[in-house]
Amino acid sequence: MSGKFLRKTVAFLALGACAGLALAQLRTNPADAKRATLTHVRETDVTLDGKPARLFAGAQIRDQSNRIMLPTMLPPESKVKYTPDAMGNLHRVWILTEQELAQPDTRK
């Protein structure tokens, strides 16, 4: 194998690895996710559109960059999309980006 071929192969593999990482950061919200305003109160207690609600024990809250954040880091009156668990507790939460807020809410 020539050195030039080996360098091209390594470069191709490196680009493929970077593309895989970029794809992992794509943000998708389930079609059945509901839109609401969410505020953290304490521990697993939150308000959802001003009404008391609760976070599932293993709930994930994702910020606009799709990073997982703690409930205590949630900005007051955050515009979110969420999915509940079987008991009605918040299971997955996504804080909406400006682009996502501009899209019409299809779940009214």
PDB file of N, CA and C in Angstrom:
ATOM      1  N   MET A   1       0.837  -1.177   0.000  1.00  0.00           N
ATOM      2  CA  MET A   1       0.000   0.000   0.000  1.00  0.00           C
ATOM      3  C   MET A   1       0.884   1.243   0.000  1.00  0.00           C
ATOM      4  N   SER A   2       0.513   2.218  -0.828  1.00  0.00           N
ATOM      5  CA  SER A   2       1.303   3.443  -0.884  1.00  0.00           C
ATOM      6  C   SER A   2       0.910   4.368   0.264  1.00  0.00           C
ATOM      7  N   GLY A   3       1.825   5.247   0.608  1.00  0.00           N
ATOM      8  CA  GLY A   3       1.579   6.204   1.680  1.00  0.00           C
ATOM      9  C   GLY A   3       0.436   7.147   1.343  1.00  0.00           C
ATOM     10  N   LYS A   4       0.325   7.519   0.059  1.00  0.00           N
ATOM     11  CA  LYS A   4      -0.728   8.432  -0.376  1.00  0.00           C
ATOM     12  C   LYS A   4      -2.113   7.779  -0.201  1.00  0.00           C
ATOM     13  N   PHE A   5      -2.236   6.517  -0.577  1.00  0.00           N
ATOM     14  CA  PHE A   5      -3.497   5.782  -0.429  1.00  0.00           C
ATOM     15  C   PHE A   5      -3.864   5.662   1.048  1.00  0.00           C
ATOM     16  N   LEU A   6      -2.891   5.372   1.880  1.00  0.00           N
ATOM     17  CA  LEU A   6      -3.135   5.228   3.311  1.00  0.00           C
ATOM     18  C   LEU A   6      -3.627   6.548   3.918  1.00  0.00           C
ATOM     19  N   ARG A   7      -3.010   7.673   3.525  1.00  0.00           N
ATOM     20  CA  ARG A   7      -3.428   8.979   4.038  1.00  0.00           C
ATOM     21  C   ARG A   7      -4.859   9.301   3.612  1.00  0.00           C
ATOM     22  N   LYS A   8      -5.188   8.997   2.356  1.00  0.00           N
ATOM     23  CA  LYS A   8      -6.549   9.250   1.877  1.00  0.00           C
ATOM     24  C   LYS A   8      -7.560   8.385   2.618  1.00  0.00           C
ATOM     25  N   THR A   9      -7.205   7.148   2.871  1.00  0.00           N
ATOM     26  CA  THR A   9      -8.101   6.242   3.590  1.00  0.00           C
ATOM     27  C   THR A   9      -8.339   6.739   5.013  1.00  0.00           C
ATOM     28  N   VAL A  10      -7.281   7.147   5.686  1.00  0.00           N
ATOM     29  CA  VAL A  10      -7.403   7.657   7.057  1.00  0.00           C
ATOM     30  C   VAL A  10      -8.247   8.931   7.063  1.00  0.00           C
ATOM     31  N   ALA A  11      -8.028   9.825   6.093  1.00  0.00           N
ATOM     32  CA  ALA A  11      -8.801  11.068   6.013  1.00  0.00           C
ATOM     33  C   ALA A  11     -10.282  10.757   5.773  1.00  0.00           C
ATOM     34  N   PHE A  12     -10.568   9.807   4.898  1.00  0.00           N
ATOM     35  CA  PHE A  12     -11.951   9.419   4.619  1.00  0.00           C
ATOM     36  C   PHE A  12     -12.624   8.865   5.867  1.00  0.00           C
ATOM     37  N   LEU A  13     -11.933   8.007   6.596  1.00  0.00           N
ATOM     38  CA  LEU A  13     -12.493   7.442   7.817  1.00  0.00           C
ATOM     39  C   LEU A  13     -12.733   8.514   8.874  1.00  0.00           C
ATOM     40  N   ALA A  14     -11.822   9.477   8.982  1.00  0.00           N
ATOM     41  CA  ALA A  14     -11.972  10.562   9.948  1.00  0.00           C
ATOM     42  C   ALA A  14     -13.193  11.417   9.609  1.00  0.00           C
ATOM     43  N   LEU A  15     -13.370  11.711   8.319  1.00  0.00           N
ATOM     44  CA  LEU A  15     -14.545  12.487   7.906  1.00  0.00           C
ATOM     45  C   LEU A  15     -15.833  11.716   8.182  1.00  0.00           C
ATOM     46  N   GLY A  16     -15.804  10.416   7.956  1.00  0.00           N
ATOM     47  CA  GLY A  16     -16.971   9.592   8.249  1.00  0.00           C
ATOM     48  C   GLY A  16     -17.325   9.601   9.718  1.00  0.00           C
ATOM     49  N   ALA A  17     -16.310   9.573  10.570  1.00  0.00           N
ATOM     50  CA  ALA A  17     -16.548   9.611  12.015  1.00  0.00           C
ATOM     51  C   ALA A  17     -17.147  10.950  12.428  1.00  0.00           C
ATOM     52  N   CYS A  18     -16.640  12.042  11.845  1.00  0.00           N
ATOM     53  CA  CYS A  18     -17.177  13.372  12.162  1.00  0.00           C
ATOM     54  C   CYS A  18     -18.622  13.501  11.692  1.00  0.00           C
ATOM     55  N   ALA A  19     -18.929  12.960  10.531  1.00  0.00           N
ATOM     56  CA  ALA A  19     -20.301  13.015  10.026  1.00  0.00           C
ATOM     57  C   ALA A  19     -21.235  12.240  10.952  1.00  0.00           C
ATOM     58  N   GLY A  20     -20.775  11.119  11.473  1.00  0.00           N
ATOM     59  CA  GLY A  20     -21.586  10.340  12.404  1.00  0.00           C
ATOM     60  C   GLY A  20     -21.877  11.120  13.670  1.00  0.00           C
ATOM     61  N   LEU A  21     -20.893  11.860  14.176  1.00  0.00           N
ATOM     62  CA  LEU A  21     -21.109  12.682  15.368  1.00  0.00           C
ATOM     63  C   LEU A  21     -22.087  13.803  15.084  1.00  0.00           C
ATOM     64  N   ALA A  22     -21.978  14.398  13.902  1.00  0.00           N
ATOM     65  CA  ALA A  22     -22.898  15.481  13.547  1.00  0.00           C
ATOM     66  C   ALA A  22     -24.325  14.957  13.446  1.00  0.00           C
ATOM     67  N   LEU A  23     -24.512  13.800  12.853  1.00  0.00           N
ATOM     68  CA  LEU A  23     -25.855  13.229  12.742  1.00  0.00           C
ATOM     69  C   LEU A  23     -26.433  12.898  14.109  1.00  0.00           C
ATOM     70  N   ALA A  24     -25.598  12.527  15.049  1.00  0.00           N
ATOM     71  CA  ALA A  24     -26.079  12.201  16.391  1.00  0.00           C
ATOM     72  C   ALA A  24     -26.645  13.433  17.086  1.00  0.00           C
ATOM     73  N   GLN A  25     -26.229  14.633  16.658  1.00  0.00           N
ATOM     74  CA  GLN A  25     -26.697  15.865  17.283  1.00  0.00           C
ATOM     75  C   GLN A  25     -27.989  16.391  16.678  1.00  0.00           C
ATOM     76  N   LEU A  26     -28.481  15.755  15.599  1.00  0.00           N
ATOM     77  CA  LEU A  26     -29.733  16.211  15.015  1.00  0.00           C
ATOM     78  C   LEU A  26     -30.838  16.104  16.049  1.00  0.00           C
ATOM     79  N   ARG A  27     -31.712  17.053  16.029  1.00  0.00           N
ATOM     80  CA  ARG A  27     -32.762  17.136  17.030  1.00  0.00           C
ATOM     81  C   ARG A  27     -34.085  16.734  16.407  1.00  0.00           C
ATOM     82  N   THR A  28     -34.730  15.778  16.998  1.00  0.00           N
ATOM     83  CA  THR A  28     -36.050  15.384  16.520  1.00  0.00           C
ATOM     84  C   THR A  28     -36.998  15.303  17.706  1.00  0.00           C
ATOM     85  N   ASN A  29     -38.162  15.861  17.514  1.00  0.00           N
ATOM     86  CA  ASN A  29     -39.222  15.764  18.510  1.00  0.00           C
ATOM     87  C   ASN A  29     -40.273  14.821  17.955  1.00  0.00           C
ATOM     88  N   PRO A  30     -40.804  13.916  18.764  1.00  0.00           N
ATOM     89  CA  PRO A  30     -41.849  13.015  18.270  1.00  0.00           C
ATOM     90  C   PRO A  30     -43.068  13.802  17.784  1.00  0.00           C
ATOM     91  N   ALA A  31     -43.745  13.250  16.801  1.00  0.00           N
ATOM     92  CA  ALA A  31     -44.930  13.917  16.247  1.00  0.00           C
ATOM     93  C   ALA A  31     -46.024  14.095  17.297  1.00  0.00           C
ATOM     94  N   ASP A  32     -46.063  13.216  18.290  1.00  0.00           N
ATOM     95  CA  ASP A  32     -47.107  13.316  19.314  1.00  0.00           C
ATOM     96  C   ASP A  32     -46.708  14.188  20.505  1.00  0.00           C
ATOM     97  N   ALA A  33     -45.546  14.844  20.439  1.00  0.00           N
ATOM     98  CA  ALA A  33     -45.120  15.728  21.529  1.00  0.00           C
ATOM     99  C   ALA A  33     -46.055  16.939  21.605  1.00  0.00           C
ATOM    100  N   LYS A  34     -46.388  17.324  22.828  1.00  0.00           N
ATOM    101  CA  LYS A  34     -47.298  18.440  23.067  1.00  0.00           C
ATOM    102  C   LYS A  34     -46.497  19.693  23.382  1.00  0.00           C
ATOM    103  N   ARG A  35     -47.032  20.839  23.030  1.00  0.00           N
ATOM    104  CA  ARG A  35     -46.362  22.114  23.295  1.00  0.00           C
ATOM    105  C   ARG A  35     -46.961  22.734  24.547  1.00  0.00           C
ATOM    106  N   ALA A  36     -46.099  23.349  25.379  1.00  0.00           N
ATOM    107  CA  ALA A  36     -46.576  23.965  26.615  1.00  0.00           C
ATOM    108  C   ALA A  36     -45.527  24.936  27.146  1.00  0.00           C
ATOM    109  N   THR A  37     -45.872  25.613  28.231  1.00  0.00           N
ATOM    110  CA  THR A  37     -44.945  26.465  28.967  1.00  0.00           C
ATOM    111  C   THR A  37     -44.611  25.739  30.261  1.00  0.00           C
ATOM    112  N   LEU A  38     -43.322  25.560  30.532  1.00  0.00           N
ATOM    113  CA  LEU A  38     -42.863  24.761  31.670  1.00  0.00           C
ATOM    114  C   LEU A  38     -41.989  25.596  32.595  1.00  0.00           C
ATOM    115  N   THR A  39     -42.238  25.479  33.894  1.00  0.00           N
ATOM    116  CA  THR A  39     -41.426  26.146  34.913  1.00  0.00           C
ATOM    117  C   THR A  39     -41.114  25.141  36.017  1.00  0.00           C
ATOM    118  N   HIS A  40     -39.847  25.097  36.438  1.00  0.00           N
ATOM    119  CA  HIS A  40     -39.445  24.223  37.541  1.00  0.00           C
ATOM    120  C   HIS A  40     -39.850  24.875  38.859  1.00  0.00           C
ATOM    121  N   VAL A  41     -40.421  24.085  39.766  1.00  0.00           N
ATOM    122  CA  VAL A  41     -40.816  24.578  41.085  1.00  0.00           C
ATOM    123  C   VAL A  41     -39.811  24.095  42.125  1.00  0.00           C
ATOM    124  N   ARG A  42     -39.700  22.780  42.303  1.00  0.00           N
ATOM    125  CA  ARG A  42     -38.706  22.181  43.196  1.00  0.00           C
ATOM    126  C   ARG A  42     -38.642  20.691  42.891  1.00  0.00           C
ATOM    127  N   GLU A  43     -37.461  20.116  43.068  1.00  0.00           N
ATOM    128  CA  GLU A  43     -37.227  18.685  42.838  1.00  0.00           C
ATOM    129  C   GLU A  43     -37.887  18.222  41.547  1.00  0.00           C
ATOM    130  N   THR A  44     -38.894  17.334  41.633  1.00  0.00           N
ATOM    131  CA  THR A  44     -39.559  16.853  40.417  1.00  0.00           C
ATOM    132  C   THR A  44     -40.868  17.585  40.146  1.00  0.00           C
ATOM    133  N   ASP A  45     -41.169  18.622  40.933  1.00  0.00           N
ATOM    134  CA  ASP A  45     -42.396  19.399  40.739  1.00  0.00           C
ATOM    135  C   ASP A  45     -42.159  20.526  39.745  1.00  0.00           C
ATOM    136  N   VAL A  46     -43.067  20.649  38.797  1.00  0.00           N
ATOM    137  CA  VAL A  46     -43.016  21.696  37.783  1.00  0.00           C
ATOM    138  C   VAL A  46     -44.431  22.221  37.573  1.00  0.00           C
ATOM    139  N   THR A  47     -44.536  23.319  36.841  1.00  0.00           N
ATOM    140  CA  THR A  47     -45.850  23.748  36.367  1.00  0.00           C
ATOM    141  C   THR A  47     -45.846  23.634  34.859  1.00  0.00           C
ATOM    142  N   LEU A  48     -46.948  23.170  34.331  1.00  0.00           N
ATOM    143  CA  LEU A  48     -47.127  22.981  32.899  1.00  0.00           C
ATOM    144  C   LEU A  48     -48.335  23.822  32.505  1.00  0.00           C
ATOM    145  N   ASP A  49     -48.083  24.892  31.760  1.00  0.00           N
ATOM    146  CA  ASP A  49     -49.133  25.872  31.441  1.00  0.00           C
ATOM    147  C   ASP A  49     -49.819  26.361  32.714  1.00  0.00           C
ATOM    148  N   GLY A  50     -49.018  26.573  33.767  1.00  0.00           N
ATOM    149  CA  GLY A  50     -49.518  27.109  35.020  1.00  0.00           C
ATOM    150  C   GLY A  50     -50.160  26.109  35.956  1.00  0.00           C
ATOM    151  N   LYS A  51     -50.275  24.855  35.531  1.00  0.00           N
ATOM    152  CA  LYS A  51     -50.900  23.822  36.363  1.00  0.00           C
ATOM    153  C   LYS A  51     -49.822  22.899  36.931  1.00  0.00           C
ATOM    154  N   PRO A  52     -50.004  22.401  38.161  1.00  0.00           N
ATOM    155  CA  PRO A  52     -49.000  21.504  38.741  1.00  0.00           C
ATOM    156  C   PRO A  52     -48.811  20.246  37.887  1.00  0.00           C
ATOM    157  N   ALA A  53     -47.556  19.847  37.751  1.00  0.00           N
ATOM    158  CA  ALA A  53     -47.204  18.628  37.016  1.00  0.00           C
ATOM    159  C   ALA A  53     -45.971  18.045  37.669  1.00  0.00           C
ATOM    160  N   ARG A  54     -45.575  16.887  37.213  1.00  0.00           N
ATOM    161  CA  ARG A  54     -44.447  16.194  37.823  1.00  0.00           C
ATOM    162  C   ARG A  54     -43.544  15.603  36.747  1.00  0.00           C
ATOM    163  N   LEU A  55     -42.247  15.610  37.018  1.00  0.00           N
ATOM    164  CA  LEU A  55     -41.282  14.968  36.131  1.00  0.00           C
ATOM    165  C   LEU A  55     -41.181  13.488  36.476  1.00  0.00           C
ATOM    166  N   PHE A  56     -41.126  12.643  35.476  1.00  0.00           N
ATOM    167  CA  PHE A  56     -40.858  11.220  35.625  1.00  0.00           C
ATOM    168  C   PHE A  56     -39.492  11.080  36.294  1.00  0.00           C
ATOM    169  N   ALA A  57     -39.282  10.033  37.070  1.00  0.00           N
ATOM    170  CA  ALA A  57     -38.016   9.855  37.797  1.00  0.00           C
ATOM    171  C   ALA A  57     -36.798   9.878  36.874  1.00  0.00           C
ATOM    172  N   GLY A  58     -36.907   9.367  35.666  1.00  0.00           N
ATOM    173  CA  GLY A  58     -35.788   9.366  34.716  1.00  0.00           C
ATOM    174  C   GLY A  58     -35.983  10.349  33.587  1.00  0.00           C
ATOM    175  N   ALA A  59     -36.717  11.434  33.852  1.00  0.00           N
ATOM    176  CA  ALA A  59     -37.033  12.408  32.803  1.00  0.00           C
ATOM    177  C   ALA A  59     -35.769  13.029  32.214  1.00  0.00           C
ATOM    178  N   GLN A  60     -35.838  13.325  30.929  1.00  0.00           N
ATOM    179  CA  GLN A  60     -34.744  14.028  30.253  1.00  0.00           C
ATOM    180  C   GLN A  60     -35.264  15.367  29.761  1.00  0.00           C
ATOM    181  N   ILE A  61     -34.547  16.415  30.127  1.00  0.00           N
ATOM    182  CA  ILE A  61     -34.853  17.751  29.621  1.00  0.00           C
ATOM    183  C   ILE A  61     -33.689  18.130  28.714  1.00  0.00           C
ATOM    184  N   ARG A  62     -33.996  18.505  27.483  1.00  0.00           N
ATOM    185  CA  ARG A  62     -32.950  18.883  26.521  1.00  0.00           C
ATOM    186  C   ARG A  62     -33.080  20.366  26.196  1.00  0.00           C
ATOM    187  N   ASP A  63     -31.932  21.051  26.208  1.00  0.00           N
ATOM    188  CA  ASP A  63     -31.932  22.475  25.874  1.00  0.00           C
ATOM    189  C   ASP A  63     -31.978  22.669  24.361  1.00  0.00           C
ATOM    190  N   GLN A  64     -31.872  23.911  23.910  1.00  0.00           N
ATOM    191  CA  GLN A  64     -31.961  24.205  22.484  1.00  0.00           C
ATOM    192  C   GLN A  64     -30.819  23.599  21.678  1.00  0.00           C
ATOM    193  N   SER A  65     -29.714  23.275  22.330  1.00  0.00           N
ATOM    194  CA  SER A  65     -28.582  22.632  21.664  1.00  0.00           C
ATOM    195  C   SER A  65     -28.623  21.120  21.809  1.00  0.00           C
ATOM    196  N   ASN A  66     -29.723  20.610  22.322  1.00  0.00           N
ATOM    197  CA  ASN A  66     -29.970  19.175  22.492  1.00  0.00           C
ATOM    198  C   ASN A  66     -29.117  18.534  23.586  1.00  0.00           C
ATOM    199  N   ARG A  67     -28.614  19.348  24.501  1.00  0.00           N
ATOM    200  CA  ARG A  67     -27.864  18.826  25.644  1.00  0.00           C
ATOM    201  C   ARG A  67     -28.827  18.546  26.783  1.00  0.00           C
ATOM    202  N   ILE A  68     -28.559  17.497  27.531  1.00  0.00           N
ATOM    203  CA  ILE A  68     -29.391  17.174  28.691  1.00  0.00           C
ATOM    204  C   ILE A  68     -29.077  18.166  29.801  1.00  0.00           C
ATOM    205  N   MET A  69     -30.128  18.667  30.438  1.00  0.00           N
ATOM    206  CA  MET A  69     -29.934  19.628  31.528  1.00  0.00           C
ATOM    207  C   MET A  69     -30.728  19.196  32.754  1.00  0.00           C
ATOM    208  N   LEU A  70     -30.311  19.673  33.897  1.00  0.00           N
ATOM    209  CA  LEU A  70     -31.004  19.395  35.156  1.00  0.00           C
ATOM    210  C   LEU A  70     -32.258  20.254  35.256  1.00  0.00           C
ATOM    211  N   PRO A  71     -33.277  19.771  35.949  1.00  0.00           N
ATOM    212  CA  PRO A  71     -34.502  20.572  36.094  1.00  0.00           C
ATOM    213  C   PRO A  71     -34.246  21.936  36.736  1.00  0.00           C
ATOM    214  N   THR A  72     -33.291  22.018  37.653  1.00  0.00           N
ATOM    215  CA  THR A  72     -33.009  23.296  38.316  1.00  0.00           C
ATOM    216  C   THR A  72     -32.427  24.330  37.351  1.00  0.00           C
ATOM    217  N   MET A  73     -31.931  23.899  36.206  1.00  0.00           N
ATOM    218  CA  MET A  73     -31.361  24.810  35.210  1.00  0.00           C
ATOM    219  C   MET A  73     -32.424  25.326  34.235  1.00  0.00           C
ATOM    220  N   LEU A  74     -33.643  24.832  34.346  1.00  0.00           N
ATOM    221  CA  LEU A  74     -34.720  25.194  33.426  1.00  0.00           C
ATOM    222  C   LEU A  74     -35.100  26.661  33.608  1.00  0.00           C
ATOM    223  N   PRO A  75     -35.006  27.467  32.556  1.00  0.00           N
ATOM    224  CA  PRO A  75     -35.426  28.862  32.681  1.00  0.00           C
ATOM    225  C   PRO A  75     -36.923  28.955  32.968  1.00  0.00           C
ATOM    226  N   PRO A  76     -37.351  29.934  33.782  1.00  0.00           N
ATOM    227  CA  PRO A  76     -38.781  30.083  34.072  1.00  0.00           C
ATOM    228  C   PRO A  76     -39.573  30.293  32.784  1.00  0.00           C
ATOM    229  N   GLU A  77     -40.766  29.716  32.752  1.00  0.00           N
ATOM    230  CA  GLU A  77     -41.683  29.844  31.623  1.00  0.00           C
ATOM    231  C   GLU A  77     -41.030  29.478  30.290  1.00  0.00           C
ATOM    232  N   SER A  78     -40.350  28.341  30.277  1.00  0.00           N
ATOM    233  CA  SER A  78     -39.720  27.843  29.059  1.00  0.00           C
ATOM    234  C   SER A  78     -40.782  27.289  28.118  1.00  0.00           C
ATOM    235  N   LYS A  79     -40.686  27.636  26.859  1.00  0.00           N
ATOM    236  CA  LYS A  79     -41.570  27.076  25.836  1.00  0.00           C
ATOM    237  C   LYS A  79     -40.981  25.736  25.430  1.00  0.00           C
ATOM    238  N   VAL A  80     -41.762  24.677  25.606  1.00  0.00           N
ATOM    239  CA  VAL A  80     -41.247  23.320  25.417  1.00  0.00           C
ATOM    240  C   VAL A  80     -42.211  22.466  24.604  1.00  0.00           C
ATOM    241  N   LYS A  81     -41.694  21.330  24.169  1.00  0.00           N
ATOM    242  CA  LYS A  81     -42.501  20.212  23.708  1.00  0.00           C
ATOM    243  C   LYS A  81     -42.180  19.081  24.668  1.00  0.00           C
ATOM    244  N   TYR A  82     -43.186  18.242  24.966  1.00  0.00           N
ATOM    245  CA  TYR A  82     -42.960  17.171  25.932  1.00  0.00           C
ATOM    246  C   TYR A  82     -43.765  15.943  25.568  1.00  0.00           C
ATOM    247  N   THR A  83     -43.329  14.822  26.100  1.00  0.00           N
ATOM    248  CA  THR A  83     -44.102  13.577  26.008  1.00  0.00           C
ATOM    249  C   THR A  83     -44.293  13.058  27.425  1.00  0.00           C
ATOM    250  N   PRO A  84     -45.511  12.657  27.762  1.00  0.00           N
ATOM    251  CA  PRO A  84     -45.766  12.107  29.097  1.00  0.00           C
ATOM    252  C   PRO A  84     -45.530  10.603  29.127  1.00  0.00           C
ATOM    253  N   ASP A  85     -45.354  10.068  30.350  1.00  0.00           N
ATOM    254  CA  ASP A  85     -45.294   8.608  30.507  1.00  0.00           C
ATOM    255  C   ASP A  85     -46.720   8.090  30.698  1.00  0.00           C
ATOM    256  N   ALA A  86     -46.860   6.811  30.991  1.00  0.00           N
ATOM    257  CA  ALA A  86     -48.189   6.195  31.136  1.00  0.00           C
ATOM    258  C   ALA A  86     -48.979   6.792  32.300  1.00  0.00           C
ATOM    259  N   MET A  87     -48.291   7.337  33.299  1.00  0.00           N
ATOM    260  CA  MET A  87     -48.959   7.918  34.465  1.00  0.00           C
ATOM    261  C   MET A  87     -49.243   9.414  34.297  1.00  0.00           C
ATOM    262  N   GLY A  88     -48.828   9.996  33.169  1.00  0.00           N
ATOM    263  CA  GLY A  88     -49.046  11.418  32.931  1.00  0.00           C
ATOM    264  C   GLY A  88     -47.899  12.304  33.363  1.00  0.00           C
ATOM    265  N   ASN A  89     -46.834  11.718  33.936  1.00  0.00           N
ATOM    266  CA  ASN A  89     -45.653  12.508  34.315  1.00  0.00           C
ATOM    267  C   ASN A  89     -44.853  12.855  33.068  1.00  0.00           C
ATOM    268  N   LEU A  90     -44.125  13.970  33.132  1.00  0.00           N
ATOM    269  CA  LEU A  90     -43.312  14.382  31.983  1.00  0.00           C
ATOM    270  C   LEU A  90     -42.121  13.442  31.833  1.00  0.00           C
ATOM    271  N   HIS A  91     -42.001  12.855  30.668  1.00  0.00           N
ATOM    272  CA  HIS A  91     -40.962  11.867  30.413  1.00  0.00           C
ATOM    273  C   HIS A  91     -39.800  12.470  29.636  1.00  0.00           C
ATOM    274  N   ARG A  92     -40.083  13.080  28.505  1.00  0.00           N
ATOM    275  CA  ARG A  92     -39.070  13.743  27.675  1.00  0.00           C
ATOM    276  C   ARG A  92     -39.524  15.181  27.435  1.00  0.00           C
ATOM    277  N   VAL A  93     -38.575  16.123  27.547  1.00  0.00           N
ATOM    278  CA  VAL A  93     -38.875  17.544  27.378  1.00  0.00           C
ATOM    279  C   VAL A  93     -37.805  18.154  26.484  1.00  0.00           C
ATOM    280  N   TRP A  94     -38.238  18.974  25.522  1.00  0.00           N
ATOM    281  CA  TRP A  94     -37.312  19.698  24.647  1.00  0.00           C
ATOM    282  C   TRP A  94     -37.652  21.179  24.749  1.00  0.00           C
ATOM    283  N   ILE A  95     -36.675  22.002  25.168  1.00  0.00           N
ATOM    284  CA  ILE A  95     -36.870  23.449  25.147  1.00  0.00           C
ATOM    285  C   ILE A  95     -36.790  23.871  23.686  1.00  0.00           C
ATOM    286  N   LEU A  96     -37.777  24.610  23.230  1.00  0.00           N
ATOM    287  CA  LEU A  96     -37.879  24.941  21.814  1.00  0.00           C
ATOM    288  C   LEU A  96     -36.909  26.036  21.388  1.00  0.00           C
ATOM    289  N   THR A  97     -36.362  25.874  20.199  1.00  0.00           N
ATOM    290  CA  THR A  97     -35.518  26.895  19.586  1.00  0.00           C
ATOM    291  C   THR A  97     -36.427  27.944  18.941  1.00  0.00           C
ATOM    292  N   GLU A  98     -35.844  29.057  18.513  1.00  0.00           N
ATOM    293  CA  GLU A  98     -36.632  30.092  17.834  1.00  0.00           C
ATOM    294  C   GLU A  98     -37.294  29.533  16.571  1.00  0.00           C
ATOM    295  N   GLN A  99     -36.566  28.676  15.832  1.00  0.00           N
ATOM    296  CA  GLN A  99     -37.125  28.086  14.610  1.00  0.00           C
ATOM    297  C   GLN A  99     -38.300  27.165  14.945  1.00  0.00           C
ATOM    298  N   GLU A 100     -38.171  26.385  16.012  1.00  0.00           N
ATOM    299  CA  GLU A 100     -39.248  25.480  16.409  1.00  0.00           C
ATOM    300  C   GLU A 100     -40.472  26.261  16.906  1.00  0.00           C
ATOM    301  N   LEU A 101     -40.226  27.376  17.599  1.00  0.00           N
ATOM    302  CA  LEU A 101     -41.340  28.210  18.066  1.00  0.00           C
ATOM    303  C   LEU A 101     -42.095  28.835  16.893  1.00  0.00           C
ATOM    304  N   ALA A 102     -41.381  29.131  15.805  1.00  0.00           N
ATOM    305  CA  ALA A 102     -41.997  29.750  14.641  1.00  0.00           C
ATOM    306  C   ALA A 102     -42.890  28.781  13.869  1.00  0.00           C
ATOM    307  N   GLN A 103     -42.688  27.486  14.058  1.00  0.00           N
ATOM    308  CA  GLN A 103     -43.505  26.484  13.373  1.00  0.00           C
ATOM    309  C   GLN A 103     -44.861  26.386  14.061  1.00  0.00           C
ATOM    310  N   PRO A 104     -45.927  26.184  13.290  1.00  0.00           N
ATOM    311  CA  PRO A 104     -47.252  26.068  13.914  1.00  0.00           C
ATOM    312  C   PRO A 104     -47.355  24.819  14.771  1.00  0.00           C
ATOM    313  N   ASP A 105     -48.134  24.921  15.845  1.00  0.00           N
ATOM    314  CA  ASP A 105     -48.370  23.781  16.727  1.00  0.00           C
ATOM    315  C   ASP A 105     -49.439  22.902  16.094  1.00  0.00           C
ATOM    316  N   THR A 106     -49.065  21.710  15.707  1.00  0.00           N
ATOM    317  CA  THR A 106     -49.989  20.816  15.019  1.00  0.00           C
ATOM    318  C   THR A 106     -50.861  20.031  15.998  1.00  0.00           C
ATOM    319  N   ARG A 107     -50.579  20.114  17.303  1.00  0.00           N
ATOM    320  CA  ARG A 107     -51.321  19.337  18.316  1.00  0.00           C
ATOM    321  C   ARG A 107     -52.236  20.240  19.125  1.00  0.00           C
ATOM    322  N   LYS A 108     -53.145  20.926  18.508  1.00  0.00           N
ATOM    323  CA  LYS A 108     -54.070  21.810  19.255  1.00  0.00           C
ATOM    324  C   LYS A 108     -55.362  21.120  19.532  1.00  0.00           C
TER     325      LYS A 108
END
